[in-house]
C-alpha atoms as a PDB file:
ATOM      1  CA  SER A   1      85.879 100.109  62.353  1.00  0.00           C
ATOM      2  CA  GLY A   2      89.301 101.316  62.913  1.00  0.00           C
ATOM      3  CA  ILE A   3      90.899 103.018  65.972  1.00  0.00           C
ATOM      4  CA  ASN A   4      89.852 106.669  66.202  1.00  0.00           C
ATOM      5  CA  ALA A   5      92.305 107.802  68.798  1.00  0.00           C
ATOM      6  CA  GLU A   6      95.138 110.464  68.238  1.00  0.00           C
ATOM      7  CA  TYR A   7      97.463 108.428  70.329  1.00  0.00           C
ATOM      8  CA  GLY A   8      97.632 105.151  72.254  1.00  0.00           C
ATOM      9  CA  VAL A   9      98.956 104.897  75.788  1.00  0.00           C
ATOM     10  CA  GLU A  10     101.747 102.308  75.807  1.00  0.00           C
ATOM     11  CA  LYS A  11     102.874 102.881  79.421  1.00  0.00           C
ATOM     12  CA  PHE A  12     101.478 104.235  82.727  1.00  0.00           C
ATOM     13  CA  SER A  13     103.402 103.447  85.756  1.00  0.00           C
ATOM     14  CA  HIS A  14     105.274 104.691  88.780  1.00  0.00           C
ATOM     15  CA  ARG A  15     108.629 106.020  88.408  1.00  0.00           C
ATOM     16  CA  SER A  16     110.293 103.953  91.074  1.00  0.00           C
ATOM     17  CA  GLY A  17     112.737 105.739  93.344  1.00  0.00           C
ATOM     18  CA  SER A  18     112.045 109.190  92.056  1.00  0.00           C
ATOM     19  CA  GLY A  19     110.995 110.618  95.454  1.00  0.00           C
ATOM     20  CA  GLY A  20     113.487 112.140  97.750  1.00  0.00           C
ATOM     21  CA  SER A  21     114.967 110.418 100.642  1.00  0.00           C
ATOM     22  CA  GLY A  22     114.034 111.199 104.254  1.00  0.00           C
ATOM     23  CA  ALA A  23     112.268 110.137 107.546  1.00  0.00           C
ATOM     24  CA  PHE A  24     109.127 110.637 105.242  1.00  0.00           C
ATOM     25  CA  PRO A  25     110.294 110.043 101.733  1.00  0.00           C
ATOM     26  CA  GLY A  26     108.803 112.062  98.839  1.00  0.00           C
ATOM     27  CA  GLY A  27     106.369 110.401  96.577  1.00  0.00           C
ATOM     28  CA  ASP A  28     107.315 108.724  93.382  1.00  0.00           C
ATOM     29  CA  GLY A  29     106.592 110.309  90.112  1.00  0.00           C
ATOM     30  CA  LEU A  30     104.931 108.771  87.020  1.00  0.00           C
ATOM     31  CA  GLU A  31     105.966 107.654  83.436  1.00  0.00           C
ATOM     32  CA  ARG A  32     103.671 107.995  80.610  1.00  0.00           C
ATOM     33  CA  ARG A  33     104.487 106.643  77.137  1.00  0.00           C
ATOM     34  CA  LEU A  34     102.174 107.861  74.435  1.00  0.00           C
ATOM     35  CA  ARG A  35     102.481 106.761  70.746  1.00  0.00           C
ATOM     36  CA  PHE A  36     101.124 109.124  67.977  1.00  0.00           C
ATOM     37  CA  ARG A  37      98.703 107.656  65.397  1.00  0.00           C
ATOM     38  CA  ARG A  38      98.447 110.796  63.325  1.00  0.00           C
ATOM     39  CA  PRO A  39     100.347 113.990  62.402  1.00  0.00           C
ATOM     40  CA  GLN A  40      99.762 116.507  64.910  1.00  0.00           C
ATOM     41  CA  THR A  41     101.279 119.173  67.264  1.00  0.00           C
ATOM     42  CA  LEU A  42     102.417 118.303  70.710  1.00  0.00           C
ATOM     43  CA  CYS A  43     102.436 120.972  73.157  1.00  0.00           C
ATOM     44  CA  CYS A  44     103.871 120.835  76.864  1.00  0.00           C
ATOM     45  CA  LEU A  45     103.656 123.003  79.735  1.00  0.00           C
ATOM     46  CA  THR A  46     105.387 121.188  82.584  1.00  0.00           C
ATOM     47  CA  GLU A  47     107.566 122.233  85.601  1.00  0.00           C
ATOM     48  CA  ARG A  48     110.384 120.789  87.620  1.00  0.00           C
ATOM     49  CA  ARG A  49     112.552 119.702  84.470  1.00  0.00           C
ATOM     50  CA  SER A  50     115.655 121.952  85.492  1.00  0.00           C
ATOM     51  CA  THR A  51     115.231 122.129  89.257  1.00  0.00           C
ATOM     52  CA  ALA A  52     114.506 119.103  91.259  1.00  0.00           C
ATOM     53  CA  PRO A  53     111.751 119.112  93.936  1.00  0.00           C
ATOM     54  CA  TYR A  54     113.661 120.039  97.197  1.00  0.00           C
ATOM     55  CA  GLY A  55     113.309 118.167 100.443  1.00  0.00           C
ATOM     56  CA  LEU A  56     112.732 119.846 103.884  1.00  0.00           C
ATOM     57  CA  LYS A  57     114.330 119.424 107.360  1.00  0.00           C
ATOM     58  CA  GLY A  58     117.174 117.365 105.855  1.00  0.00           C
ATOM     59  CA  GLY A  59     115.202 115.303 103.241  1.00  0.00           C
ATOM     60  CA  GLY A  60     116.502 114.583  99.975  1.00  0.00           C
ATOM     61  CA  SER A  61     115.374 116.196  96.538  1.00  0.00           C
ATOM     62  CA  GLY A  62     113.114 114.393  94.252  1.00  0.00           C
ATOM     63  CA  LYS A  63     114.389 113.503  90.776  1.00  0.00           C
ATOM     64  CA  LYS A  64     113.540 116.062  88.065  1.00  0.00           C
ATOM     65  CA  GLY A  65     110.803 115.453  85.478  1.00  0.00           C
ATOM     66  CA  VAL A  66     111.740 114.741  81.846  1.00  0.00           C
ATOM     67  CA  ASN A  67     109.915 115.373  78.449  1.00  0.00           C
ATOM     68  CA  LEU A  68     111.305 113.290  75.631  1.00  0.00           C
ATOM     69  CA  LEU A  69     110.258 112.641  71.889  1.00  0.00           C
ATOM     70  CA  GLU A  70     111.336 109.533  70.561  1.00  0.00           C
ATOM     71  CA  ARG A  71     111.018 109.756  66.892  1.00  0.00           C
ATOM     72  CA  LYS A  72     110.089 106.472  64.878  1.00  0.00           C
ATOM     73  CA  ASN A  73     113.481 106.691  63.219  1.00  0.00           C
ATOM     74  CA  GLY A  74     115.311 106.345  66.591  1.00  0.00           C
ATOM     75  CA  GLN A  75     116.057 110.018  67.217  1.00  0.00           C
ATOM     76  CA  ILE A  76     115.464 111.071  70.916  1.00  0.00           C
ATOM     77  CA  ILE A  77     114.853 114.741  71.440  1.00  0.00           C
ATOM     78  CA  ASN A  78     114.877 116.306  75.048  1.00  0.00           C
ATOM     79  CA  LEU A  79     111.841 118.750  74.856  1.00  0.00           C
ATOM     80  CA  GLY A  80     112.479 120.553  78.107  1.00  0.00           C
ATOM     81  CA  SER A  81     109.641 121.901  80.267  1.00  0.00           C
ATOM     82  CA  LYS A  82     107.769 123.677  77.536  1.00  0.00           C
ATOM     83  CA  CYS A  83     107.483 123.431  73.976  1.00  0.00           C
ATOM     84  CA  ALA A  84     105.201 122.946  70.827  1.00  0.00           C
ATOM     85  CA  ILE A  85     106.500 120.395  68.263  1.00  0.00           C
ATOM     86  CA  ASP A  86     105.039 118.532  65.216  1.00  0.00           C
ATOM     87  CA  VAL A  87     104.916 114.764  65.643  1.00  0.00           C
ATOM     88  CA  ASN A  88     104.182 112.044  63.101  1.00  0.00           C
ATOM     89  CA  PRO A  89     102.544 108.616  63.193  1.00  0.00           C
ATOM     90  CA  GLY A  90     104.814 106.106  65.220  1.00  0.00           C
ATOM     91  CA  ASP A  91     106.703 108.901  67.401  1.00  0.00           C
ATOM     92  CA  MET A  92     106.517 108.479  71.045  1.00  0.00           C
ATOM     93  CA  PHE A  93     106.311 111.187  73.738  1.00  0.00           C
ATOM     94  CA  VAL A  94     107.713 110.208  77.023  1.00  0.00           C
ATOM     95  CA  LEU A  95     106.778 112.008  79.947  1.00  0.00           C
ATOM     96  CA  GLN A  96     108.414 111.325  83.254  1.00  0.00           C
ATOM     97  CA  THR A  97     106.825 113.527  86.151  1.00  0.00           C
ATOM     98  CA  PRO A  98     109.107 114.604  88.966  1.00  0.00           C
ATOM     99  CA  GLY A  99     109.310 112.827  92.316  1.00  0.00           C
ATOM    100  CA  GLY A 100     108.372 114.728  95.557  1.00  0.00           C
ATOM    101  CA  GLY A 101     110.930 116.045  97.821  1.00  0.00           C
ATOM    102  CA  GLY A 102     111.605 114.015 101.102  1.00  0.00           C
ATOM    103  CA  TRP A 103     111.145 115.326 104.840  1.00  0.00           C
ATOM    104  CA  GLY A 104     113.374 114.884 107.598  1.00  0.00           C
ATOM    105  CA  GLY A 105     116.832 113.317 108.064  1.00  0.00           C
ATOM    106  CA  GLU A 106     117.724 110.362 109.876  1.00  0.00           C
ATOM    107  CA  GLU A 107     117.595 112.140 113.089  1.00  0.00           C
ATOM    108  CA  GLU A 108     113.878 113.055 112.621  1.00  0.00           C
ATOM    109  CA  THR A 109     111.035 111.228 114.469  1.00  0.00           C
ATOM    110  CA  VAL A 110     107.506 110.727 113.687  1.00  0.00           C
ATOM    111  CA  GLU A 111     106.414 113.021 116.447  1.00  0.00           C
ATOM    112  CA  ALA A 112     108.559 115.913 114.786  1.00  0.00           C
ATOM    113  CA  ALA A 113     106.556 115.474 111.530  1.00  0.00           C
ATOM    114  CA  PRO A 114     104.075 118.193 110.612  1.00  0.00           C
ATOM    115  CA  SER A 115     101.391 115.718 109.941  1.00  0.00           C
ATOM    116  CA  ALA A 116     101.623 114.471 113.498  1.00  0.00           C
ATOM    117  CA  LYS A 117     100.626 117.783 114.772  1.00  0.00           C
ATOM    118  CA  ARG A 118      97.814 118.376 112.587  1.00  0.00           C
ATOM    119  CA  LYS A 119      94.339 117.996 113.447  1.00  0.00           C
ATOM    120  CA  ARG A 120      92.172 115.247 111.938  1.00  0.00           C
ATOM    121  CA  THR A 121      89.359 116.457 109.631  1.00  0.00           C
ATOM    122  CA  GLU A 122      86.408 114.540 108.243  1.00  0.00           C
ATOM    123  CA  VAL A 123      86.333 113.591 104.717  1.00  0.00           C
ATOM    124  CA  ARG A 124      83.368 115.107 103.121  1.00  0.00           C
ATOM    125  CA  GLY A 125      82.057 115.567  99.553  1.00  0.00           C
ATOM    126  CA  SER A 126      80.410 113.477  96.684  1.00  0.00           C
ATOM    127  CA  VAL A 127      83.560 111.182  96.232  1.00  0.00           C
ATOM    128  CA  ALA A 128      83.512 110.470 100.037  1.00  0.00           C
ATOM    129  CA  GLU A 129      79.734 109.841 100.122  1.00  0.00           C
ATOM    130  CA  TYR A 130      79.993 107.468  97.167  1.00  0.00           C
ATOM    131  CA  LYS A 131      82.663 105.549  98.939  1.00  0.00           C
ATOM    132  CA  ARG A 132      80.714 105.207 102.129  1.00  0.00           C
ATOM    133  CA  LEU A 133      77.646 103.941  99.904  1.00  0.00           C
ATOM    134  CA  GLN A 134      79.947 101.422  98.216  1.00  0.00           C
ATOM    135  CA  GLU A 135      81.456 100.215 101.488  1.00  0.00           C
ATOM    136  CA  SER A 136      78.020  99.897 103.189  1.00  0.00           C
ATOM    137  CA  ALA A 137      76.566  97.507 100.587  1.00  0.00           C
END
């Protein structure tokens, strides 16, 4: 009759402003906060923690990602990009994914963007078919 999960999700949100600037700004990263309910080992295998995602054609870099462990006693540990560490009940893992790099500086125009030159493709597959069925109902 109790909760049987190893951890609880306390937050799942956008990292507003983490995408790089540009005529086409980079996408924002995400933030997840996971509170552990049992002793266990946390393993991380992530990227873009020491080098920011770069922008192209004058676009700005996105923000770096961050992996933190907030111990129940208040201690905060920067875990870096790859780690394995024992955690205890009440400890919280904070995962902030990097933002994307932006494309183009102020002088760039929509017509110069790579997406403006691409050919449109038809969306296919099981997810697209499911969506079409839902929209036709």
